[in-house]
């Protein structure tokens, strides 16, 4: 039975990794893989179907918390975008010096990614860069740094990257501690390639187009833009605070923030009829969220849950420890591997490999995993959701990124990793 499930999982994983060549949406593959893994486990388990159903219910409750959290966050971001809220930040970037602009773009991306998520931030910033940097060759370097900065910014925030969010919701890390321990390594991860480009980047931004300081073609002021921006950002920031004060699951805090924004969105623009108002309400935002990504998380987390319940992951963890001997090497390799395959199943599998009875909350394993899985995807353009989105928006060639950006991203990745390993003994949390 174990061999059958492992083969099924590996085949599913390969099809997900080869999503574009095989032309099958990874969400469909993930759902099939997850359902079939549990079905085979239930049919062939030597205990009983009831025992398997209990395990499935346990995993589904954990997965549900992550999915509701993500759906709430996605809807809030879509609401802010519907009101053109992000222009409050982007319209204030006016410098025409390429090197100065690169620093501004990277820092804004870094911190915006921590508040939103790396995918949304990358899309917003590339839309801005399209207006500010007309020269195609120069813009590609900006886009490469946006990928690095977005992934680095998401790694240290409990709401900035889905893998860090998974670890936070799972109880492996705490919000305050992950910020404290990963902020400096993440900054270093971004600064190393940024400083290199400061000395090697040549050329200018190109001819500035009319209306260059807008992230969209629409310039009409939307009523409630500032209110929804600050209310949305405040709602996202309040989620870790909510969990700390109430000790309730993070998805409840996210749904609370969404509920507040939903009510406010219904009250803004009272003179509009329902059809006009819908794009500016949460109901309209829900139609625009990336549902296939949510279903992908559902499928892959269910599949990994089956491997964990069958104790396949714990056996694999023991094998790795015996073979490599040092968990720091294993986690570093997981980070590099995340540039080739999706980091969500990698982190989900790692959460199943290492027991919290052995590795307590805020243990080095979990913090280092959050950093490596979050930033390692920048090494290749296809290694992160932010990278894939930027690749599609700007038609960045895989080989161009490999030649111009990958080495810089890898240097930043290892530099940040070294910084973390140096400072960890001074910041370590003991049970």
Protein backbone atom coordinates (compact mmCIF):
# COMPACT_ATOMS: atom_id res chain seq x y z
CA UNK A 1 0.00 0.00 0.00
CA UNK A 2 2.75 2.45 0.95
CA UNK A 3 4.58 1.91 -2.34
CA UNK A 4 1.38 2.52 -4.31
CA UNK A 5 0.65 5.80 -2.52
CA UNK A 6 4.28 6.98 -2.85
CA UNK A 7 4.27 6.28 -6.61
CA UNK A 8 0.94 8.08 -6.97
CA UNK A 9 2.23 11.09 -5.04
CA UNK A 10 5.47 11.28 -7.02
CA UNK A 11 3.64 11.03 -10.36
CA UNK A 12 1.20 13.72 -9.24
CA UNK A 13 4.09 15.90 -8.08
CA UNK A 14 5.85 15.56 -11.43
CA UNK A 15 2.71 16.51 -13.36
CA UNK A 16 2.30 19.56 -11.10
CA UNK A 17 5.94 20.56 -11.70
CA UNK A 18 5.44 20.12 -15.46
CA UNK A 19 2.12 21.99 -15.48
CA UNK A 20 2.93 24.13 -18.53
CA UNK A 21 4.34 21.41 -20.83
CA UNK A 22 1.54 18.91 -20.04
CA UNK A 23 -1.11 21.68 -20.08
CA UNK A 24 -3.03 20.37 -17.07
CA UNK A 25 -3.87 22.87 -14.36
CA UNK A 26 -1.96 21.96 -11.20
CA UNK A 27 -5.12 22.36 -9.12
CA UNK A 28 -6.77 19.48 -11.00
CA UNK A 29 -3.71 17.26 -10.54
CA UNK A 30 -3.42 18.13 -6.84
CA UNK A 31 -7.08 17.36 -6.12
CA UNK A 32 -6.88 14.02 -7.91
CA UNK A 33 -3.66 13.13 -6.10
CA UNK A 34 -5.07 14.06 -2.69
CA UNK A 35 -8.34 12.20 -3.13
CA UNK A 36 -6.70 9.06 -4.57
CA UNK A 37 -4.05 8.93 -1.81
CA UNK A 38 -6.72 8.94 0.91
CA UNK A 39 -8.96 6.53 -1.02
CA UNK A 40 -6.17 3.97 -1.44
CA UNK A 41 -5.21 4.41 2.23
CA UNK A 42 -8.83 3.89 3.33
CA UNK A 43 -9.43 0.85 1.14
CA UNK A 44 -6.15 -0.92 1.88
CA UNK A 45 -5.61 0.10 5.54
CA UNK A 46 -5.39 -2.94 7.83
CA UNK A 47 -7.06 -1.11 10.75
CA UNK A 48 -10.46 0.13 9.60
CA UNK A 49 -12.10 2.71 7.39
CA UNK A 50 -13.35 4.50 10.52
CA UNK A 51 -9.77 4.93 11.72
CA UNK A 52 -8.80 6.49 8.37
CA UNK A 53 -11.88 8.75 8.41
CA UNK A 54 -10.88 10.08 11.83
CA UNK A 55 -7.42 10.91 10.54
CA UNK A 56 -8.90 12.55 7.44
CA UNK A 57 -11.21 14.71 9.58
CA UNK A 58 -8.24 15.78 11.69
CA UNK A 59 -6.21 16.85 8.65
CA UNK A 60 -9.21 18.49 6.99
CA UNK A 61 -9.74 20.73 10.02
CA UNK A 62 -6.12 21.91 9.74
CA UNK A 63 -6.34 22.37 5.98
CA UNK A 64 -9.65 24.23 6.32
CA UNK A 65 -8.05 26.79 8.61
CA UNK A 66 -5.37 27.54 6.01
CA UNK A 67 -7.88 27.76 3.15
CA UNK A 68 -10.26 30.11 4.97
CA UNK A 69 -7.29 32.27 5.95
CA UNK A 70 -6.08 32.49 2.35
CA UNK A 71 -9.54 33.17 0.92
CA UNK A 72 -10.09 35.96 3.44
CA UNK A 73 -6.71 37.53 2.67
CA UNK A 74 -7.24 37.27 -1.10
CA UNK A 75 -10.66 38.92 -0.84
CA UNK A 76 -9.32 41.81 1.26
CA UNK A 77 -6.51 42.43 -1.27
CA UNK A 78 -8.98 42.33 -4.16
CA UNK A 79 -11.18 44.85 -2.34
CA UNK A 80 -8.27 47.24 -1.84
CA UNK A 81 -7.34 46.87 -5.51
CA UNK A 82 -10.94 47.49 -6.64
CA UNK A 83 -10.79 50.88 -4.92
CA UNK A 84 -7.34 51.59 -6.49
CA UNK A 85 -5.99 51.71 -2.95
CA UNK A 86 -2.47 50.70 -3.91
CA UNK A 87 -2.07 53.95 -5.87
CA UNK A 88 -1.74 55.70 -2.51
CA UNK A 89 1.75 54.15 -2.43
CA UNK A 90 2.68 53.82 -6.07
CA UNK A 91 1.66 57.33 -7.17
CA UNK A 92 4.23 58.79 -4.77
CA UNK A 93 7.20 57.18 -6.50
CA UNK A 94 8.50 59.85 -8.88
CA UNK A 95 12.31 59.62 -9.08
CA UNK A 96 13.88 59.22 -12.53
CA UNK A 97 17.33 58.03 -11.43
CA UNK A 98 17.55 54.27 -12.29
CA UNK A 99 19.62 53.25 -9.27
CA UNK A 100 17.63 55.35 -6.82
CA UNK A 101 14.38 54.05 -8.30
CA UNK A 102 15.61 50.46 -7.98
CA UNK A 103 16.23 50.96 -4.26
CA UNK A 104 12.81 52.56 -3.78
CA UNK A 105 11.02 49.81 -5.74
CA UNK A 106 12.81 47.04 -3.82
CA UNK A 107 12.11 48.49 -0.37
CA UNK A 108 8.46 49.17 -1.19
CA UNK A 109 8.13 45.64 -2.59
CA UNK A 110 9.85 44.14 0.47
CA UNK A 111 7.54 45.71 3.04
CA UNK A 112 4.37 45.59 0.92
CA UNK A 113 4.93 41.86 0.42
CA UNK A 114 5.05 41.38 4.20
CA UNK A 115 1.66 43.12 4.54
CA UNK A 116 -0.08 41.54 1.55
CA UNK A 117 1.58 38.54 -0.09
CA UNK A 118 4.45 38.13 -2.53
CA UNK A 119 2.26 37.32 -5.55
CA UNK A 120 -0.05 40.33 -5.24
CA UNK A 121 2.84 42.64 -4.45
CA UNK A 122 4.81 41.46 -7.49
CA UNK A 123 1.84 42.13 -9.78
CA UNK A 124 1.27 45.62 -8.31
CA UNK A 125 4.95 46.59 -8.55
CA UNK A 126 5.46 45.26 -12.09
CA UNK A 127 2.39 47.25 -13.16
CA UNK A 128 4.06 50.33 -11.67
CA UNK A 129 7.46 49.60 -13.23
CA UNK A 130 5.84 49.30 -16.66
CA UNK A 131 4.94 52.97 -16.40
CA UNK A 132 8.13 54.20 -14.77
CA UNK A 133 10.67 52.21 -16.84
CA UNK A 134 9.76 52.29 -20.55
CA UNK A 135 13.11 50.76 -21.59
CA UNK A 136 12.54 46.99 -21.89
CA UNK A 137 16.09 45.86 -21.03
CA UNK A 138 16.24 48.05 -17.94
CA UNK A 139 12.76 46.97 -16.87
CA UNK A 140 13.74 43.30 -16.89
CA UNK A 141 16.37 43.93 -14.18
CA UNK A 142 13.76 45.78 -12.13
CA UNK A 143 11.37 42.83 -12.53
CA UNK A 144 14.06 40.35 -11.47
CA UNK A 145 14.68 42.35 -8.31
CA UNK A 146 10.94 42.60 -7.66
CA UNK A 147 10.79 38.78 -7.57
CA UNK A 148 13.69 38.62 -5.11
CA UNK A 149 12.35 41.44 -2.91
CA UNK A 150 8.78 40.09 -2.90
CA UNK A 151 9.88 36.61 -1.83
CA UNK A 152 12.30 37.96 0.78
CA UNK A 153 9.62 40.29 2.14
CA UNK A 154 7.06 37.52 2.42
CA UNK A 155 9.35 35.08 4.24
CA UNK A 156 9.60 36.97 7.55
CA UNK A 157 5.92 37.84 7.90
CA UNK A 158 3.25 35.38 9.12
CA UNK A 159 0.89 36.74 6.45
CA UNK A 160 3.41 37.48 3.68
CA UNK A 161 4.06 34.05 2.16
CA UNK A 162 1.76 31.05 2.09
CA UNK A 163 4.47 28.74 3.44
CA UNK A 164 5.19 31.01 6.42
CA UNK A 165 1.43 31.28 6.95
CA UNK A 166 1.14 27.48 6.97
CA UNK A 167 3.83 27.21 9.64
CA UNK A 168 2.19 29.96 11.69
CA UNK A 169 -1.31 28.46 11.54
CA UNK A 170 0.16 25.01 12.28
CA UNK A 171 1.73 26.34 15.47
CA UNK A 172 5.32 25.72 14.35
CA UNK A 173 6.20 29.43 14.58
CA UNK A 174 4.85 32.46 16.43
CA UNK A 175 4.22 35.82 14.76
CA UNK A 176 6.49 38.03 16.86
CA UNK A 177 9.37 35.57 16.92
CA UNK A 178 9.41 34.89 13.17
CA UNK A 179 9.55 38.64 12.50
CA UNK A 180 12.35 39.07 15.03
CA UNK A 181 14.49 36.20 13.72
CA UNK A 182 13.95 36.42 9.95
CA UNK A 183 13.76 40.17 9.32
CA UNK A 184 17.53 40.67 9.14
CA UNK A 185 18.28 37.53 7.06
CA UNK A 186 15.49 38.50 4.64
CA UNK A 187 16.85 42.03 4.29
CA UNK A 188 20.33 40.62 3.57
CA UNK A 189 18.81 38.25 1.01
CA UNK A 190 17.49 41.29 -0.87
CA UNK A 191 20.44 43.63 -0.26
CA UNK A 192 23.20 41.40 -1.67
CA UNK A 193 21.85 41.33 -5.28
CA UNK A 194 20.64 44.93 -4.94
CA UNK A 195 24.09 46.22 -3.95
CA UNK A 196 25.68 44.26 -6.81
CA UNK A 197 23.31 45.86 -9.32
CA UNK A 198 24.05 49.27 -7.82
CA UNK A 199 27.59 48.96 -9.23
CA UNK A 200 26.82 47.10 -12.46
CA UNK A 201 23.48 48.49 -13.66
CA UNK A 202 23.99 50.79 -16.64
CA UNK A 203 21.62 52.79 -18.80
CA UNK A 204 18.58 54.95 -18.15
CA UNK A 205 14.87 54.41 -17.67
CA UNK A 206 14.02 55.36 -21.23
CA UNK A 207 11.51 57.92 -22.46
CA UNK A 208 8.84 58.57 -19.87
CA UNK A 209 5.35 57.91 -21.16
CA UNK A 210 2.37 60.12 -20.37
CA UNK A 211 0.60 59.27 -17.13
CA UNK A 212 3.66 57.32 -16.05
CA UNK A 213 2.90 57.36 -12.38
CA UNK A 214 -0.27 55.32 -12.46
CA UNK A 215 -0.48 51.59 -12.01
CA UNK A 216 -3.57 51.38 -14.18
CA UNK A 217 -5.05 53.19 -17.11
CA UNK A 218 -7.84 54.63 -14.94
CA UNK A 219 -7.25 57.95 -13.19
CA UNK A 220 -10.73 58.66 -11.90
CA UNK A 221 -10.84 58.96 -8.13
CA UNK A 222 -12.79 56.13 -6.53
CA UNK A 223 -14.82 57.11 -3.51
CA UNK A 224 -13.52 55.48 -0.34
CA UNK A 225 -10.10 54.64 -1.81
CA UNK A 226 -8.10 55.82 1.20
CA UNK A 227 -10.55 54.38 3.71
CA UNK A 228 -10.48 50.90 2.14
CA UNK A 229 -6.69 50.95 1.79
CA UNK A 230 -6.00 51.80 5.41
CA UNK A 231 -8.85 49.65 6.70
CA UNK A 232 -7.66 46.69 4.60
CA UNK A 233 -4.00 47.01 5.58
CA UNK A 234 -5.03 47.54 9.20
CA UNK A 235 -7.20 44.43 9.04
CA UNK A 236 -4.34 42.31 7.72
CA UNK A 237 -1.91 43.61 10.33
CA UNK A 238 -4.47 43.01 13.10
CA UNK A 239 -4.64 39.25 12.44
CA UNK A 240 -1.45 38.34 14.37
CA UNK A 241 -2.58 40.71 17.13
CA UNK A 242 -5.97 38.99 17.24
CA UNK A 243 -4.34 35.57 17.62
CA UNK A 244 -2.00 36.81 20.35
CA UNK A 245 -4.78 38.45 22.38
CA UNK A 246 -7.46 35.77 21.98
CA UNK A 247 -5.41 32.61 21.32
CA UNK A 248 -8.01 31.76 18.70
CA UNK A 249 -7.10 30.38 15.22
CA UNK A 250 -5.71 33.01 12.79
CA UNK A 251 -8.40 32.36 10.20
CA UNK A 252 -11.00 33.77 12.63
CA UNK A 253 -9.03 37.02 12.81
CA UNK A 254 -8.81 37.16 9.02
CA UNK A 255 -12.54 36.51 8.64
CA UNK A 256 -13.23 39.22 11.24
CA UNK A 257 -11.19 41.71 9.20
CA UNK A 258 -13.00 40.62 6.03
CA UNK A 259 -16.38 41.03 7.74
CA UNK A 260 -15.58 44.59 8.75
CA UNK A 261 -14.41 45.49 5.24
CA UNK A 262 -17.46 43.79 3.75
CA UNK A 263 -19.84 45.91 5.83
CA UNK A 264 -17.94 49.12 5.02
CA UNK A 265 -17.87 48.28 1.29
CA UNK A 266 -21.64 47.89 1.32
CA UNK A 267 -22.11 51.29 2.97
CA UNK A 268 -19.79 53.23 0.64
CA UNK A 269 -21.41 54.73 -2.47
CA UNK A 270 -25.01 54.41 -1.25
CA UNK A 271 -26.31 56.20 -4.37
CA UNK A 272 -25.16 53.39 -6.69
CA UNK A 273 -27.54 50.63 -7.69
CA UNK A 274 -26.59 47.02 -6.93
CA UNK A 275 -25.05 46.36 -10.35
CA UNK A 276 -22.80 49.44 -10.17
CA UNK A 277 -21.82 48.79 -6.57
CA UNK A 278 -20.98 45.06 -6.92
CA UNK A 279 -17.37 45.50 -8.24
CA UNK A 280 -16.63 47.57 -5.13
CA UNK A 281 -18.03 45.08 -2.61
CA UNK A 282 -16.66 41.89 -1.09
CA UNK A 283 -19.23 39.93 -3.09
CA UNK A 284 -17.61 41.22 -6.27
CA UNK A 285 -14.10 40.65 -4.90
CA UNK A 286 -14.95 37.02 -4.15
CA UNK A 287 -15.60 36.44 -7.86
CA UNK A 288 -12.07 37.64 -8.67
CA UNK A 289 -10.01 35.66 -6.16
CA UNK A 290 -7.77 32.87 -7.44
CA UNK A 291 -9.98 29.87 -6.63
CA UNK A 292 -7.79 27.35 -8.54
CA UNK A 293 -4.88 28.22 -6.24
CA UNK A 294 -7.07 27.60 -3.19
CA UNK A 295 -8.10 24.21 -4.60
CA UNK A 296 -4.45 23.44 -5.34
CA UNK A 297 -3.60 24.01 -1.68
CA UNK A 298 -6.53 21.79 -0.69
CA UNK A 299 -5.41 18.92 -2.92
CA UNK A 300 -1.72 19.03 -2.12
CA UNK A 301 -2.25 19.40 1.63
CA UNK A 302 -4.64 16.44 1.62
CA UNK A 303 -2.08 14.34 -0.27
CA UNK A 304 0.67 15.27 2.16
CA UNK A 305 -1.72 14.56 5.05
CA UNK A 306 -2.20 11.02 3.75
CA UNK A 307 1.58 10.47 3.65
CA UNK A 308 1.85 11.80 7.19
CA UNK A 309 -0.96 9.58 8.49
CA UNK A 310 0.71 6.54 6.94
CA UNK A 311 3.97 7.57 8.70
CA UNK A 312 5.78 7.66 5.36
CA UNK A 313 7.09 11.18 6.04
CA UNK A 314 8.45 10.33 9.49
CA UNK A 315 10.34 7.36 8.01
CA UNK A 316 11.68 9.59 5.22
CA UNK A 317 12.80 12.17 7.79
CA UNK A 318 14.70 9.50 9.72
CA UNK A 319 16.35 8.36 6.49
CA UNK A 320 17.47 11.92 5.63
CA UNK A 321 18.86 12.50 9.12
CA UNK A 322 20.78 9.25 8.91
CA UNK A 323 22.09 10.03 5.40
CA UNK A 324 22.92 13.75 5.75
CA UNK A 325 23.24 14.02 9.50
CA UNK A 326 22.50 17.74 9.79
CA UNK A 327 18.99 19.22 9.56
CA UNK A 328 20.45 22.57 8.51
CA UNK A 329 21.79 20.96 5.33
CA UNK A 330 18.43 19.29 4.68
CA UNK A 331 16.48 22.55 5.07
CA UNK A 332 18.98 24.45 2.89
CA UNK A 333 18.53 21.85 0.15
CA UNK A 334 14.74 22.09 0.52
CA UNK A 335 15.05 25.84 -0.13
CA UNK A 336 17.07 25.27 -3.30
CA UNK A 337 14.64 22.55 -4.39
CA UNK A 338 11.78 25.03 -3.99
CA UNK A 339 13.18 26.93 -6.99
CA UNK A 340 12.34 23.90 -9.13
CA UNK A 341 9.14 22.57 -7.57
CA UNK A 342 6.37 24.31 -5.65
CA UNK A 343 7.32 25.24 -2.09
CA UNK A 344 3.84 24.56 -0.67
CA UNK A 345 4.06 20.75 -0.83
CA UNK A 346 7.70 20.91 0.25
CA UNK A 347 6.80 22.78 3.41
CA UNK A 348 3.71 20.66 3.97
CA UNK A 349 5.85 17.53 3.71
CA UNK A 350 8.45 19.01 6.07
CA UNK A 351 5.73 19.76 8.62
CA UNK A 352 4.84 16.10 8.48
CA UNK A 353 8.45 14.93 8.62
CA UNK A 354 9.35 16.70 11.84
CA UNK A 355 7.28 16.17 14.98
CA UNK A 356 6.45 19.14 17.20
CA UNK A 357 7.02 16.87 20.18
CA UNK A 358 10.67 16.84 19.19
CA UNK A 359 10.91 20.29 17.58
CA UNK A 360 8.99 22.82 19.68
CA UNK A 361 7.33 26.02 18.50
CA UNK A 362 9.91 28.51 17.17
CA UNK A 363 12.58 25.83 16.93
CA UNK A 364 15.39 26.55 14.49
CA UNK A 365 13.99 23.91 12.11
CA UNK A 366 10.76 25.85 11.55
CA UNK A 367 12.30 29.32 11.36
CA UNK A 368 15.00 28.23 8.95
CA UNK A 369 12.42 26.35 6.86
CA UNK A 370 10.31 29.52 6.60
CA UNK A 371 13.33 31.47 5.36
CA UNK A 372 14.64 28.84 2.93
CA UNK A 373 11.29 27.89 1.41
CA UNK A 374 10.26 31.53 1.12
CA UNK A 375 13.41 32.90 -0.50
CA UNK A 376 14.82 29.86 -2.33
CA UNK A 377 12.16 30.13 -5.02
CA UNK A 378 13.80 33.31 -6.32
CA UNK A 379 16.75 31.33 -7.71
CA UNK A 380 14.72 30.41 -10.80
CA UNK A 381 11.96 32.46 -12.42
CA UNK A 382 9.61 29.47 -12.18
CA UNK A 383 10.42 28.82 -8.53
CA UNK A 384 7.72 31.01 -6.96
CA UNK A 385 4.23 32.29 -7.66
CA UNK A 386 5.65 35.82 -7.82
CA UNK A 387 8.25 34.73 -10.38
CA UNK A 388 5.73 32.95 -12.57
CA UNK A 389 3.40 35.97 -12.48
CA UNK A 390 6.19 38.38 -13.43
CA UNK A 391 7.38 35.98 -16.13
CA UNK A 392 3.92 36.01 -17.68
CA UNK A 393 3.40 39.77 -17.38
CA UNK A 394 6.75 40.79 -18.89
CA UNK A 395 7.44 37.70 -21.02
CA UNK A 396 10.77 37.17 -19.25
CA UNK A 397 12.81 34.42 -20.85
CA UNK A 398 13.82 31.59 -18.52
CA UNK A 399 17.39 31.59 -19.83
CA UNK A 400 17.70 35.39 -19.48
CA UNK A 401 16.73 35.16 -15.81
CA UNK A 402 19.07 32.22 -15.32
CA UNK A 403 22.02 34.17 -16.74
CA UNK A 404 21.30 37.60 -15.23
CA UNK A 405 19.42 37.07 -11.96
CA UNK A 406 19.73 33.48 -10.71
CA UNK A 407 23.31 33.79 -9.43
CA UNK A 408 22.47 37.05 -7.65
CA UNK A 409 19.40 35.44 -6.07
CA UNK A 410 21.47 32.45 -4.96
CA UNK A 411 24.13 34.70 -3.41
CA UNK A 412 21.40 36.56 -1.53
CA UNK A 413 19.82 33.27 -0.45
CA UNK A 414 23.06 31.90 1.03
CA UNK A 415 24.02 35.27 2.55
CA UNK A 416 20.69 35.47 4.38
CA UNK A 417 21.01 31.84 5.45
CA UNK A 418 24.46 32.47 6.92
CA UNK A 419 23.17 35.53 8.78
CA UNK A 420 20.32 33.50 10.25
CA UNK A 421 22.62 30.69 11.40
CA UNK A 422 24.91 33.28 13.01
CA UNK A 423 22.22 35.16 14.91
CA UNK A 424 20.01 32.18 15.81
CA UNK A 425 21.93 31.17 18.97
CA UNK A 426 21.36 34.68 20.37
CA UNK A 427 17.64 34.71 19.54
CA UNK A 428 16.76 31.06 20.19
CA UNK A 429 13.51 30.32 22.02
CA UNK A 430 13.69 27.45 24.50
CA UNK A 431 10.63 25.45 25.58
